Amino acid sequence: MKTLIGRLVLPLICVLLGWGVYAFGGIGQGDELRCGDRVMTTSDTCEHVTNGATRTNDYYQEKAENERLSNLVKNAGLGIMGLSGLSILYVLAGSGVQAVRKRAPAQP
């Protein structure tokens, strides 16, 4: 029993991590759309500088990009939780097989 709990600790921590990543993905889903530290209106633009290249998004492009990134983070969290859940099932199934092998009578 002690080894079973030891094998379940890491997958359970990963489930919690996945839940945290999923929750973090929903943080930017408020009513306000921000560009840096200012709240955007529908007539505003937002400039992004990456490796010296400047890209300008209008309000709707920025909103779509934020939603896409938020969904990406949420899906990553769901993936982490799903894989962790599968590993928990694998550990539990493996411990069940070991318990059956220990109880099985020896074959003559």
Protein backbone atom coordinates (compact mmCIF):
# COMPACT_ATOMS: atom_id res chain seq x y z
CA MET A 1 0.00 0.00 0.00
CA LYS A 2 2.83 2.38 0.83
CA THR A 3 4.43 1.91 -2.59
CA LEU A 4 1.06 2.50 -4.28
CA ILE A 5 0.72 5.86 -2.58
CA GLY A 6 4.30 6.69 -3.54
CA ARG A 7 3.59 5.91 -7.19
CA LEU A 8 0.45 8.07 -7.14
CA VAL A 9 2.06 11.21 -5.72
CA LEU A 10 3.63 12.50 -8.95
CA PRO A 11 0.54 11.91 -11.14
CA LEU A 12 -1.66 13.63 -8.56
CA ILE A 13 0.72 16.59 -8.47
CA CYS A 14 0.55 16.71 -12.27
CA VAL A 15 -3.27 16.71 -12.15
CA LEU A 16 -3.11 19.73 -9.84
CA LEU A 17 -0.57 21.39 -12.12
CA GLY A 18 -2.84 20.79 -15.12
CA TRP A 19 -5.78 22.27 -13.25
CA GLY A 20 -3.69 25.33 -12.45
CA VAL A 21 -2.66 25.76 -16.08
CA TYR A 22 -6.31 25.42 -17.15
CA ALA A 23 -7.42 28.03 -14.60
CA PHE A 24 -4.59 30.36 -15.66
CA GLY A 25 -5.87 30.18 -19.25
CA GLY A 26 -9.18 31.68 -18.17
CA ILE A 27 -7.64 34.70 -16.46
CA GLY A 28 -7.67 36.89 -19.56
CA GLN A 29 -11.33 36.25 -20.33
CA GLY A 30 -12.65 39.41 -18.66
CA ASP A 31 -14.71 42.15 -20.28
CA GLU A 32 -11.75 44.49 -20.65
CA LEU A 33 -9.25 44.03 -23.45
CA ARG A 34 -5.82 45.37 -22.56
CA CYS A 35 -2.81 46.42 -24.55
CA GLY A 36 0.01 46.56 -22.04
CA ASP A 37 -1.40 48.46 -19.09
CA ARG A 38 -4.16 50.39 -20.90
CA VAL A 39 -7.71 49.29 -21.62
CA MET A 40 -8.49 49.17 -25.34
CA THR A 41 -11.61 50.53 -27.03
CA THR A 42 -12.86 49.47 -30.45
CA SER A 43 -11.02 52.37 -32.12
CA ASP A 44 -7.61 51.60 -30.53
CA THR A 45 -4.68 49.67 -31.96
CA CYS A 46 -2.02 47.68 -30.15
CA GLU A 47 1.59 47.44 -31.30
CA HIS A 48 3.71 44.35 -30.66
CA VAL A 49 7.46 44.41 -31.24
CA THR A 50 9.13 41.03 -31.77
CA ASN A 51 12.80 40.77 -32.78
CA GLY A 52 12.72 44.34 -34.11
CA ALA A 53 9.61 43.77 -36.23
CA THR A 54 6.49 45.77 -35.32
CA ARG A 55 3.02 44.30 -35.75
CA THR A 56 -0.13 46.35 -35.20
CA ASN A 57 -3.46 44.78 -34.20
CA ASP A 58 -6.80 46.54 -34.08
CA TYR A 59 -9.25 45.82 -31.25
CA TYR A 60 -10.85 42.79 -32.92
CA GLN A 61 -7.55 41.24 -33.99
CA GLU A 62 -6.19 41.66 -30.45
CA LYS A 63 -9.34 40.12 -28.96
CA ALA A 64 -9.12 37.13 -31.34
CA GLU A 65 -5.43 36.65 -30.54
CA ASN A 66 -6.07 36.77 -26.79
CA GLU A 67 -8.90 34.22 -27.10
CA ARG A 68 -6.72 31.93 -29.22
CA LEU A 69 -3.88 32.03 -26.69
CA SER A 70 -6.29 31.53 -23.79
CA ASN A 71 -7.79 28.47 -25.49
CA LEU A 72 -4.32 27.12 -26.19
CA VAL A 73 -3.37 27.38 -22.51
CA LYS A 74 -6.68 25.83 -21.42
CA ASN A 75 -6.21 22.92 -23.82
CA ALA A 76 -2.67 22.39 -22.54
CA GLY A 77 -4.05 22.20 -19.00
CA LEU A 78 -6.70 19.69 -20.07
CA GLY A 79 -4.01 17.63 -21.81
CA ILE A 80 -1.83 17.59 -18.71
CA MET A 81 -4.80 16.54 -16.56
CA GLY A 82 -5.83 13.85 -19.06
CA LEU A 83 -2.38 12.30 -19.32
CA SER A 84 -1.99 12.43 -15.55
CA GLY A 85 -5.35 10.71 -15.15
CA LEU A 86 -4.24 7.98 -17.53
CA SER A 87 -1.05 7.48 -15.55
CA ILE A 88 -3.11 7.18 -12.35
CA LEU A 89 -5.25 4.50 -14.00
CA TYR A 90 -2.09 2.73 -15.17
CA VAL A 91 -0.65 2.72 -11.64
CA LEU A 92 -3.91 1.51 -10.13
CA ALA A 93 -4.31 -1.24 -12.75
CA GLY A 94 -0.71 -2.34 -12.21
CA SER A 95 -1.19 -2.56 -8.47
CA GLY A 96 -4.37 -4.57 -9.01
CA VAL A 97 -2.50 -7.08 -11.20
CA GLN A 98 0.23 -7.40 -8.57
CA ALA A 99 -2.37 -8.03 -5.88
CA VAL A 100 -3.96 -10.82 -7.98
CA ARG A 101 -0.56 -12.40 -8.62
CA LYS A 102 0.24 -12.44 -4.91
CA ARG A 103 -3.06 -14.10 -4.08
CA ALA A 104 -2.95 -16.69 -6.87
CA PRO A 105 -2.07 -20.20 -5.64
CA ALA A 106 1.13 -21.71 -6.94
CA GLN A 107 0.73 -24.02 -9.91
CA PRO A 108 1.98 -27.59 -9.37
